């Protein structure tokens, strides 16, 4: 009689080798997804920081435009 791997059935009815192989693949995929999620969160934080910085820059530029327009006696547009 030839026996390859373990023949003890798991709760899913698969031999242990198939179940452990499936579990290993699922754990690998879970690890990958967690890493991708962490990377996505990091990128989102960076993007939000860039948006905040850009808003602050635009606010400063708007203020400078207003000051210069008033100095030149122009009416403010927009």
N, C-alpha and C. Protein backbone atom coordinates (compact mmCIF):
# COMPACT_ATOMS: atom_id res chain seq x y z
N UNK A 1 0.84 -1.18 0.00
CA UNK A 1 0.00 0.00 0.00
C UNK A 1 0.88 1.24 0.00
N UNK A 2 0.55 2.20 -0.88
CA UNK A 2 1.30 3.43 -1.04
C UNK A 2 0.53 4.57 -0.39
N UNK A 3 1.14 5.30 0.55
CA UNK A 3 0.48 6.42 1.22
C UNK A 3 1.33 7.66 1.02
N UNK A 4 0.71 8.70 0.46
CA UNK A 4 1.40 9.97 0.26
C UNK A 4 0.76 10.98 1.18
N UNK A 5 1.55 11.60 2.01
CA UNK A 5 1.01 12.60 2.93
C UNK A 5 0.19 11.94 4.02
N UNK A 6 -0.53 12.76 4.74
CA UNK A 6 -1.36 12.26 5.83
C UNK A 6 -2.76 12.03 5.32
N UNK A 7 -3.42 11.03 5.83
CA UNK A 7 -4.77 10.74 5.36
C UNK A 7 -5.82 11.04 6.41
N UNK A 8 -5.43 11.70 7.51
CA UNK A 8 -6.41 12.07 8.54
C UNK A 8 -7.29 13.18 8.00
N UNK A 9 -8.59 12.96 7.94
CA UNK A 9 -9.47 14.01 7.40
C UNK A 9 -9.60 15.18 8.37
N UNK A 10 -9.80 16.36 7.79
CA UNK A 10 -10.03 17.56 8.59
C UNK A 10 -11.52 17.77 8.68
N UNK A 11 -11.92 18.86 9.30
CA UNK A 11 -13.35 19.14 9.43
C UNK A 11 -14.00 19.40 8.08
N UNK A 12 -13.21 19.81 7.08
CA UNK A 12 -13.76 20.05 5.74
C UNK A 12 -13.79 18.77 4.92
N UNK A 13 -13.27 17.70 5.44
CA UNK A 13 -13.25 16.45 4.70
C UNK A 13 -12.05 16.30 3.78
N UNK A 14 -11.09 17.23 3.85
CA UNK A 14 -9.89 17.16 3.03
C UNK A 14 -8.78 16.51 3.83
N UNK A 15 -7.86 15.82 3.18
CA UNK A 15 -6.70 15.30 3.91
C UNK A 15 -5.92 16.46 4.53
N UNK A 16 -5.18 16.19 5.60
CA UNK A 16 -4.45 17.24 6.32
C UNK A 16 -3.48 17.99 5.42
N UNK A 17 -2.81 17.32 4.51
CA UNK A 17 -1.84 18.01 3.66
C UNK A 17 -2.52 19.07 2.81
N UNK A 18 -3.68 18.76 2.26
CA UNK A 18 -4.39 19.76 1.46
C UNK A 18 -4.88 20.90 2.33
N UNK A 19 -5.38 20.56 3.51
CA UNK A 19 -5.89 21.60 4.41
C UNK A 19 -4.76 22.50 4.88
N UNK A 20 -3.62 21.91 5.23
CA UNK A 20 -2.50 22.74 5.70
C UNK A 20 -1.95 23.58 4.56
N UNK A 21 -1.97 23.05 3.35
CA UNK A 21 -1.52 23.82 2.19
C UNK A 21 -2.48 24.98 1.94
N UNK A 22 -3.78 24.72 2.05
CA UNK A 22 -4.78 25.78 1.87
C UNK A 22 -4.63 26.82 2.97
N UNK A 23 -4.42 26.38 4.20
CA UNK A 23 -4.25 27.31 5.31
C UNK A 23 -3.01 28.18 5.11
N UNK A 24 -1.93 27.59 4.62
CA UNK A 24 -0.71 28.35 4.36
C UNK A 24 -0.95 29.41 3.29
N UNK A 25 -1.66 29.04 2.23
CA UNK A 25 -1.98 30.01 1.16
C UNK A 25 -2.86 31.13 1.70
N UNK A 26 -3.84 30.77 2.53
CA UNK A 26 -4.73 31.79 3.09
C UNK A 26 -3.97 32.72 4.03
N UNK A 27 -3.06 32.16 4.83
CA UNK A 27 -2.26 33.00 5.73
C UNK A 27 -1.35 33.93 4.93
N UNK A 28 -0.76 33.42 3.84
CA UNK A 28 0.08 34.25 2.98
C UNK A 28 -0.73 35.40 2.38
N UNK A 29 -1.92 35.07 1.90
CA UNK A 29 -2.77 36.09 1.28
C UNK A 29 -3.21 37.12 2.31
N UNK A 30 -3.55 36.65 3.52
CA UNK A 30 -3.92 37.56 4.59
C UNK A 30 -2.77 38.51 4.91
N UNK A 31 -1.58 37.98 4.95
CA UNK A 31 -0.40 38.80 5.21
C UNK A 31 -0.21 39.85 4.11
N UNK A 32 -0.38 39.43 2.86
CA UNK A 32 -0.25 40.36 1.74
C UNK A 32 -1.30 41.46 1.82
N UNK A 33 -2.53 41.07 2.12
CA UNK A 33 -3.61 42.07 2.20
C UNK A 33 -3.37 43.05 3.34
N UNK A 34 -2.88 42.56 4.46
CA UNK A 34 -2.59 43.47 5.58
C UNK A 34 -1.49 44.45 5.20
N UNK A 35 -0.48 43.96 4.48
CA UNK A 35 0.61 44.84 4.04
C UNK A 35 0.09 45.88 3.06
N UNK A 36 -0.74 45.45 2.10
CA UNK A 36 -1.31 46.39 1.13
C UNK A 36 -2.18 47.43 1.84
N UNK A 37 -2.94 46.99 2.83
CA UNK A 37 -3.79 47.91 3.58
C UNK A 37 -2.96 48.95 4.31
N UNK A 38 -1.89 48.51 4.96
CA UNK A 38 -1.01 49.44 5.67
C UNK A 38 -0.37 50.43 4.70
N UNK A 39 0.05 49.94 3.53
CA UNK A 39 0.62 50.83 2.52
C UNK A 39 -0.42 51.84 2.04
N UNK A 40 -1.65 51.38 1.84
CA UNK A 40 -2.72 52.28 1.41
C UNK A 40 -3.01 53.34 2.45
N UNK A 41 -3.04 52.96 3.71
CA UNK A 41 -3.25 53.94 4.77
C UNK A 41 -2.14 54.98 4.79
N UNK A 42 -0.92 54.53 4.63
CA UNK A 42 0.22 55.45 4.61
C UNK A 42 0.11 56.43 3.45
N UNK A 43 -0.24 55.91 2.26
CA UNK A 43 -0.39 56.77 1.10
C UNK A 43 -1.52 57.77 1.30
N UNK A 44 -2.61 57.33 1.93
CA UNK A 44 -3.74 58.22 2.18
C UNK A 44 -3.33 59.35 3.12
N UNK A 45 -2.59 59.03 4.17
CA UNK A 45 -2.12 60.06 5.09
C UNK A 45 -1.22 61.06 4.38
N UNK A 46 -0.35 60.57 3.49
CA UNK A 46 0.53 61.46 2.74
C UNK A 46 -0.27 62.35 1.81
N UNK A 47 -1.28 61.79 1.15
CA UNK A 47 -2.11 62.57 0.23
C UNK A 47 -2.89 63.63 1.00
N UNK A 48 -3.43 63.27 2.17
CA UNK A 48 -4.16 64.25 2.97
C UNK A 48 -3.23 65.38 3.44
N UNK A 49 -2.00 65.05 3.77
CA UNK A 49 -1.03 66.08 4.17
C UNK A 49 -0.73 67.01 3.00
N UNK A 50 -0.60 66.44 1.80
CA UNK A 50 -0.35 67.28 0.62
C UNK A 50 -1.53 68.21 0.35
N UNK A 51 -2.76 67.70 0.51
CA UNK A 51 -3.96 68.53 0.32
C UNK A 51 -3.96 69.66 1.34
N UNK A 52 -3.68 69.35 2.59
CA UNK A 52 -3.64 70.38 3.65
C UNK A 52 -2.60 71.45 3.32
N UNK A 53 -1.41 71.01 2.93
CA UNK A 53 -0.34 71.96 2.58
C UNK A 53 -0.73 72.83 1.39
N UNK A 54 -1.37 72.23 0.41
CA UNK A 54 -1.79 72.98 -0.77
C UNK A 54 -2.85 74.02 -0.41
N UNK A 55 -3.81 73.63 0.45
CA UNK A 55 -4.83 74.58 0.89
C UNK A 55 -4.20 75.77 1.61
N UNK A 56 -3.23 75.48 2.48
CA UNK A 56 -2.54 76.56 3.20
C UNK A 56 -1.79 77.47 2.24
N UNK A 57 -1.15 76.89 1.24
CA UNK A 57 -0.43 77.68 0.25
C UNK A 57 -1.39 78.57 -0.54
N UNK A 58 -2.51 78.00 -0.96
CA UNK A 58 -3.50 78.78 -1.70
C UNK A 58 -4.07 79.90 -0.84
N UNK A 59 -4.27 79.65 0.44
CA UNK A 59 -4.77 80.68 1.33
C UNK A 59 -3.77 81.83 1.44
N UNK A 60 -2.48 81.50 1.56
CA UNK A 60 -1.45 82.55 1.61
C UNK A 60 -1.41 83.35 0.31
N UNK A 61 -1.50 82.66 -0.81
CA UNK A 61 -1.48 83.35 -2.11
C UNK A 61 -2.69 84.25 -2.24
N UNK A 62 -3.84 83.75 -1.82
CA UNK A 62 -5.06 84.55 -1.87
C UNK A 62 -4.92 85.82 -1.03
N UNK A 63 -4.32 85.66 0.14
CA UNK A 63 -4.10 86.83 1.00
C UNK A 63 -3.16 87.82 0.36
N UNK A 64 -2.12 87.33 -0.27
CA UNK A 64 -1.16 88.22 -0.95
C UNK A 64 -1.83 88.94 -2.11
N UNK A 65 -2.68 88.22 -2.85
CA UNK A 65 -3.41 88.84 -3.96
C UNK A 65 -4.30 89.96 -3.44
N UNK A 66 -4.99 89.69 -2.33
CA UNK A 66 -5.88 90.70 -1.77
C UNK A 66 -5.11 91.94 -1.32
N UNK A 67 -3.99 91.75 -0.65
CA UNK A 67 -3.19 92.88 -0.18
C UNK A 67 -2.68 93.71 -1.36
N UNK A 68 -2.13 93.03 -2.37
CA UNK A 68 -1.59 93.76 -3.53
C UNK A 68 -2.69 94.46 -4.31
N UNK A 69 -3.84 93.81 -4.44
CA UNK A 69 -4.97 94.43 -5.14
C UNK A 69 -5.41 95.69 -4.42
N UNK A 70 -5.47 95.61 -3.08
CA UNK A 70 -5.87 96.80 -2.31
C UNK A 70 -4.83 97.91 -2.44
N UNK A 71 -3.56 97.56 -2.44
CA UNK A 71 -2.49 98.55 -2.58
C UNK A 71 -2.58 99.24 -3.93
N UNK A 72 -2.97 98.49 -4.96
CA UNK A 72 -3.07 99.06 -6.31
C UNK A 72 -4.42 99.71 -6.55
N UNK A 73 -5.32 99.61 -5.58
CA UNK A 73 -6.63 100.23 -5.72
C UNK A 73 -7.55 99.49 -6.67
N UNK A 74 -7.29 98.24 -6.90
CA UNK A 74 -8.15 97.46 -7.80
C UNK A 74 -9.31 96.87 -7.02
N UNK A 75 -10.42 96.69 -7.72
CA UNK A 75 -11.51 95.97 -7.10
C UNK A 75 -11.20 94.48 -7.17
N UNK A 76 -11.58 93.79 -6.12
CA UNK A 76 -11.24 92.37 -6.05
C UNK A 76 -12.23 91.55 -6.88
N UNK A 77 -11.68 90.67 -7.73
CA UNK A 77 -12.52 89.79 -8.55
C UNK A 77 -12.37 88.38 -8.01
N UNK A 78 -13.53 87.65 -7.86
CA UNK A 78 -13.52 86.25 -7.43
C UNK A 78 -13.12 86.15 -6.04
